[in-house]
């Protein structure tokens, strides 16, 4: 399950904060739920969310205006990584 939080939302005490790919990877391997705070710039937030989702982060803290785009990027990344079924599948027939 992926969670997207606003900047003022409370963080669960059981979650671990991470700021780099190495930290995310280490904490995910240790079995922790990782919280990543994303940049304010919408394009940077979407790119960072995709990268951190690939590394295994599950909770993303973002600016209110970018929450929808971040969620879409994370869901797409989860589908590409094989951890979530795609939202829509089509079979190409010739």
N, C-alpha and C. Protein backbone atom coordinates (compact mmCIF):
# COMPACT_ATOMS: atom_id res chain seq x y z
N UNK A 1 0.84 -1.18 0.00
CA UNK A 1 0.00 0.00 0.00
C UNK A 1 0.88 1.24 0.00
N UNK A 2 0.53 2.20 -0.82
CA UNK A 2 1.26 3.45 -0.90
C UNK A 2 0.43 4.55 -0.24
N UNK A 3 1.09 5.40 0.55
CA UNK A 3 0.43 6.50 1.24
C UNK A 3 1.08 7.80 0.78
N UNK A 4 0.26 8.79 0.45
CA UNK A 4 0.76 10.12 0.11
C UNK A 4 0.23 11.09 1.15
N UNK A 5 1.13 11.77 1.87
CA UNK A 5 0.77 12.69 2.94
C UNK A 5 1.01 14.13 2.52
N UNK A 6 0.25 15.04 3.12
CA UNK A 6 0.51 16.46 2.95
C UNK A 6 1.62 16.90 3.88
N UNK A 7 2.13 18.12 3.71
CA UNK A 7 3.26 18.58 4.52
C UNK A 7 2.94 18.70 6.01
N UNK A 8 1.69 18.88 6.39
CA UNK A 8 1.34 19.05 7.80
C UNK A 8 0.74 17.80 8.43
N UNK A 9 0.60 16.72 7.66
CA UNK A 9 0.04 15.48 8.20
C UNK A 9 1.01 14.82 9.16
N UNK A 10 0.46 14.16 10.17
CA UNK A 10 1.28 13.50 11.18
C UNK A 10 1.94 12.25 10.61
N UNK A 11 3.13 11.97 11.11
CA UNK A 11 3.87 10.78 10.71
C UNK A 11 3.76 9.76 11.83
N UNK A 12 3.46 8.53 11.46
CA UNK A 12 3.38 7.43 12.41
C UNK A 12 4.76 7.21 13.05
N UNK A 13 4.82 7.02 14.37
CA UNK A 13 6.12 6.84 15.02
C UNK A 13 6.88 5.59 14.58
N UNK A 14 6.19 4.62 13.99
CA UNK A 14 6.87 3.42 13.53
C UNK A 14 7.54 3.56 12.18
N UNK A 15 7.34 4.69 11.49
CA UNK A 15 7.92 4.90 10.18
C UNK A 15 9.32 5.48 10.32
N UNK A 16 10.17 5.18 9.36
CA UNK A 16 11.53 5.70 9.35
C UNK A 16 11.66 6.76 8.26
N UNK A 17 12.29 7.88 8.60
CA UNK A 17 12.53 8.94 7.62
C UNK A 17 13.80 8.61 6.83
N UNK A 18 13.78 8.91 5.54
CA UNK A 18 14.95 8.66 4.69
C UNK A 18 15.10 9.81 3.71
N UNK A 19 16.35 10.12 3.38
CA UNK A 19 16.60 11.22 2.46
C UNK A 19 17.46 10.86 1.27
N UNK A 20 17.94 9.62 1.21
CA UNK A 20 18.77 9.21 0.08
C UNK A 20 18.40 7.80 -0.34
N UNK A 21 18.82 7.43 -1.54
CA UNK A 21 18.54 6.09 -2.04
C UNK A 21 19.16 5.01 -1.17
N UNK A 22 20.36 5.27 -0.68
CA UNK A 22 21.03 4.29 0.17
C UNK A 22 20.25 4.07 1.45
N UNK A 23 19.80 5.15 2.08
CA UNK A 23 19.01 5.03 3.31
C UNK A 23 17.71 4.27 3.05
N UNK A 24 17.03 4.59 1.97
CA UNK A 24 15.77 3.92 1.64
C UNK A 24 16.02 2.43 1.45
N UNK A 25 17.01 2.08 0.66
CA UNK A 25 17.30 0.67 0.40
C UNK A 25 17.64 -0.09 1.68
N UNK A 26 18.47 0.51 2.52
CA UNK A 26 18.86 -0.14 3.78
C UNK A 26 17.67 -0.33 4.71
N UNK A 27 16.82 0.69 4.83
CA UNK A 27 15.66 0.60 5.72
C UNK A 27 14.62 -0.39 5.19
N UNK A 28 14.42 -0.43 3.88
CA UNK A 28 13.46 -1.38 3.30
C UNK A 28 13.96 -2.81 3.52
N UNK A 29 15.25 -3.04 3.32
CA UNK A 29 15.82 -4.37 3.57
C UNK A 29 15.67 -4.77 5.03
N UNK A 30 15.69 -3.80 5.94
CA UNK A 30 15.53 -4.08 7.36
C UNK A 30 14.07 -4.28 7.75
N UNK A 31 13.15 -4.10 6.78
CA UNK A 31 11.73 -4.32 7.05
C UNK A 31 10.98 -3.12 7.59
N UNK A 32 11.56 -1.94 7.49
CA UNK A 32 10.92 -0.72 7.99
C UNK A 32 10.03 -0.09 6.92
N UNK A 33 9.00 0.65 7.35
CA UNK A 33 8.19 1.46 6.44
C UNK A 33 8.89 2.81 6.33
N UNK A 34 9.20 3.23 5.11
CA UNK A 34 10.02 4.41 4.88
C UNK A 34 9.16 5.59 4.45
N UNK A 35 9.41 6.75 5.07
CA UNK A 35 8.75 8.01 4.70
C UNK A 35 9.76 8.87 3.96
N UNK A 36 9.39 9.34 2.76
CA UNK A 36 10.26 10.20 1.97
C UNK A 36 9.56 11.55 1.83
N UNK A 37 10.27 12.64 2.15
CA UNK A 37 9.75 13.99 1.94
C UNK A 37 10.24 14.45 0.57
N UNK A 38 9.30 14.78 -0.29
CA UNK A 38 9.62 15.14 -1.68
C UNK A 38 9.83 16.64 -1.83
N UNK A 39 10.55 17.05 -2.89
CA UNK A 39 10.77 18.48 -3.14
C UNK A 39 9.47 19.22 -3.47
N UNK A 40 9.49 20.53 -3.37
CA UNK A 40 8.32 21.36 -3.65
C UNK A 40 7.99 21.45 -5.14
N UNK A 41 9.01 21.49 -5.98
CA UNK A 41 8.83 21.60 -7.43
C UNK A 41 8.10 20.35 -7.95
N UNK A 42 6.97 20.53 -8.66
CA UNK A 42 6.18 19.38 -9.09
C UNK A 42 6.93 18.35 -9.95
N UNK A 43 7.72 18.82 -10.90
CA UNK A 43 8.46 17.89 -11.76
C UNK A 43 9.48 17.10 -10.96
N UNK A 44 10.19 17.78 -10.06
CA UNK A 44 11.18 17.11 -9.22
C UNK A 44 10.50 16.12 -8.27
N UNK A 45 9.34 16.48 -7.76
CA UNK A 45 8.62 15.61 -6.82
C UNK A 45 8.19 14.32 -7.51
N UNK A 46 7.69 14.41 -8.73
CA UNK A 46 7.25 13.22 -9.46
C UNK A 46 8.45 12.32 -9.77
N UNK A 47 9.54 12.92 -10.24
CA UNK A 47 10.74 12.13 -10.56
C UNK A 47 11.30 11.46 -9.31
N UNK A 48 11.41 12.21 -8.22
CA UNK A 48 11.95 11.64 -6.98
C UNK A 48 11.04 10.55 -6.44
N UNK A 49 9.73 10.73 -6.53
CA UNK A 49 8.79 9.72 -6.04
C UNK A 49 8.97 8.42 -6.81
N UNK A 50 9.13 8.50 -8.12
CA UNK A 50 9.31 7.29 -8.93
C UNK A 50 10.59 6.55 -8.53
N UNK A 51 11.66 7.29 -8.34
CA UNK A 51 12.94 6.67 -7.98
C UNK A 51 12.86 6.05 -6.59
N UNK A 52 12.32 6.77 -5.62
CA UNK A 52 12.23 6.24 -4.26
C UNK A 52 11.25 5.07 -4.18
N UNK A 53 10.18 5.09 -4.99
CA UNK A 53 9.25 3.97 -5.02
C UNK A 53 9.94 2.72 -5.56
N UNK A 54 10.78 2.89 -6.57
CA UNK A 54 11.53 1.77 -7.12
C UNK A 54 12.41 1.15 -6.03
N UNK A 55 12.96 1.99 -5.15
CA UNK A 55 13.83 1.51 -4.07
C UNK A 55 13.03 0.86 -2.94
N UNK A 56 11.70 1.05 -2.93
CA UNK A 56 10.88 0.38 -1.93
C UNK A 56 10.17 1.28 -0.93
N UNK A 57 10.30 2.60 -1.06
CA UNK A 57 9.61 3.50 -0.14
C UNK A 57 8.09 3.35 -0.31
N UNK A 58 7.34 3.47 0.78
CA UNK A 58 5.90 3.27 0.74
C UNK A 58 5.09 4.50 1.15
N UNK A 59 5.72 5.47 1.81
CA UNK A 59 5.01 6.66 2.27
C UNK A 59 5.73 7.89 1.73
N UNK A 60 4.96 8.79 1.10
CA UNK A 60 5.55 9.97 0.47
C UNK A 60 4.88 11.22 1.02
N UNK A 61 5.67 12.17 1.43
CA UNK A 61 5.17 13.45 1.93
C UNK A 61 5.44 14.49 0.85
N UNK A 62 4.36 15.13 0.39
CA UNK A 62 4.49 16.04 -0.75
C UNK A 62 3.62 17.27 -0.57
N UNK A 63 3.86 18.27 -1.40
CA UNK A 63 3.05 19.49 -1.38
C UNK A 63 1.64 19.14 -1.86
N UNK A 64 0.61 19.83 -1.36
CA UNK A 64 -0.77 19.50 -1.71
C UNK A 64 -1.06 19.51 -3.21
N UNK A 65 -0.46 20.38 -3.97
CA UNK A 65 -0.75 20.47 -5.39
C UNK A 65 -0.17 19.35 -6.23
N UNK A 66 0.76 18.58 -5.68
CA UNK A 66 1.41 17.53 -6.47
C UNK A 66 1.00 16.12 -6.05
N UNK A 67 0.09 15.99 -5.10
CA UNK A 67 -0.26 14.67 -4.57
C UNK A 67 -0.79 13.73 -5.64
N UNK A 68 -1.65 14.21 -6.52
CA UNK A 68 -2.23 13.35 -7.56
C UNK A 68 -1.15 12.83 -8.51
N UNK A 69 -0.28 13.73 -8.98
CA UNK A 69 0.77 13.34 -9.91
C UNK A 69 1.77 12.38 -9.26
N UNK A 70 2.07 12.63 -7.99
CA UNK A 70 2.97 11.74 -7.26
C UNK A 70 2.35 10.35 -7.14
N UNK A 71 1.08 10.29 -6.80
CA UNK A 71 0.41 8.99 -6.67
C UNK A 71 0.44 8.22 -8.00
N UNK A 72 0.17 8.91 -9.11
CA UNK A 72 0.21 8.25 -10.41
C UNK A 72 1.61 7.72 -10.74
N UNK A 73 2.63 8.51 -10.45
CA UNK A 73 4.01 8.09 -10.71
C UNK A 73 4.38 6.88 -9.86
N UNK A 74 3.97 6.90 -8.60
CA UNK A 74 4.28 5.77 -7.70
C UNK A 74 3.54 4.52 -8.15
N UNK A 75 2.27 4.65 -8.51
CA UNK A 75 1.52 3.48 -8.97
C UNK A 75 2.11 2.90 -10.25
N UNK A 76 2.54 3.75 -11.17
CA UNK A 76 3.16 3.27 -12.40
C UNK A 76 4.47 2.54 -12.08
N UNK A 77 5.26 3.10 -11.19
CA UNK A 77 6.53 2.48 -10.81
C UNK A 77 6.29 1.14 -10.14
N UNK A 78 5.31 1.06 -9.26
CA UNK A 78 4.98 -0.21 -8.60
C UNK A 78 4.55 -1.26 -9.62
N UNK A 79 3.81 -0.86 -10.64
CA UNK A 79 3.40 -1.80 -11.69
C UNK A 79 4.60 -2.28 -12.50
N UNK A 80 5.49 -1.36 -12.84
CA UNK A 80 6.69 -1.73 -13.60
C UNK A 80 7.61 -2.66 -12.81
N UNK A 81 7.65 -2.46 -11.49
CA UNK A 81 8.50 -3.29 -10.63
C UNK A 81 7.86 -4.64 -10.34
N UNK A 82 6.58 -4.82 -10.72
CA UNK A 82 5.91 -6.09 -10.51
C UNK A 82 5.31 -6.27 -9.13
N UNK A 83 5.19 -5.19 -8.37
CA UNK A 83 4.62 -5.27 -7.02
C UNK A 83 3.14 -4.93 -6.99
N UNK A 84 2.59 -4.54 -8.13
CA UNK A 84 1.18 -4.13 -8.22
C UNK A 84 0.70 -4.45 -9.62
N UNK A 85 -0.52 -4.96 -9.77
CA UNK A 85 -1.01 -5.20 -11.12
C UNK A 85 -1.28 -3.88 -11.85
N UNK A 86 -1.11 -3.85 -13.16
CA UNK A 86 -1.38 -2.62 -13.89
C UNK A 86 -2.85 -2.22 -13.80
N UNK A 87 -3.12 -0.93 -13.90
CA UNK A 87 -4.51 -0.44 -13.82
C UNK A 87 -5.32 -0.89 -15.03
N UNK A 88 -4.68 -1.01 -16.17
CA UNK A 88 -5.37 -1.38 -17.40
C UNK A 88 -4.43 -2.23 -18.25
N UNK A 89 -4.91 -3.34 -18.73
CA UNK A 89 -4.09 -4.15 -19.63
C UNK A 89 -4.82 -4.34 -20.94
N UNK A 90 -4.09 -4.30 -22.00
CA UNK A 90 -4.66 -4.51 -23.34
C UNK A 90 -3.77 -5.48 -24.07
N UNK A 91 -4.41 -6.34 -24.80
CA UNK A 91 -3.67 -7.31 -25.58
C UNK A 91 -3.69 -6.86 -27.03
N UNK A 92 -2.53 -6.68 -27.59
CA UNK A 92 -2.46 -6.25 -28.97
C UNK A 92 -2.68 -7.40 -29.93
N UNK A 93 -3.68 -7.28 -30.75
CA UNK A 93 -3.97 -8.29 -31.75
C UNK A 93 -3.70 -7.71 -33.14
N UNK A 94 -3.04 -8.47 -33.97
CA UNK A 94 -2.70 -7.99 -35.30
C UNK A 94 -3.88 -8.05 -36.24
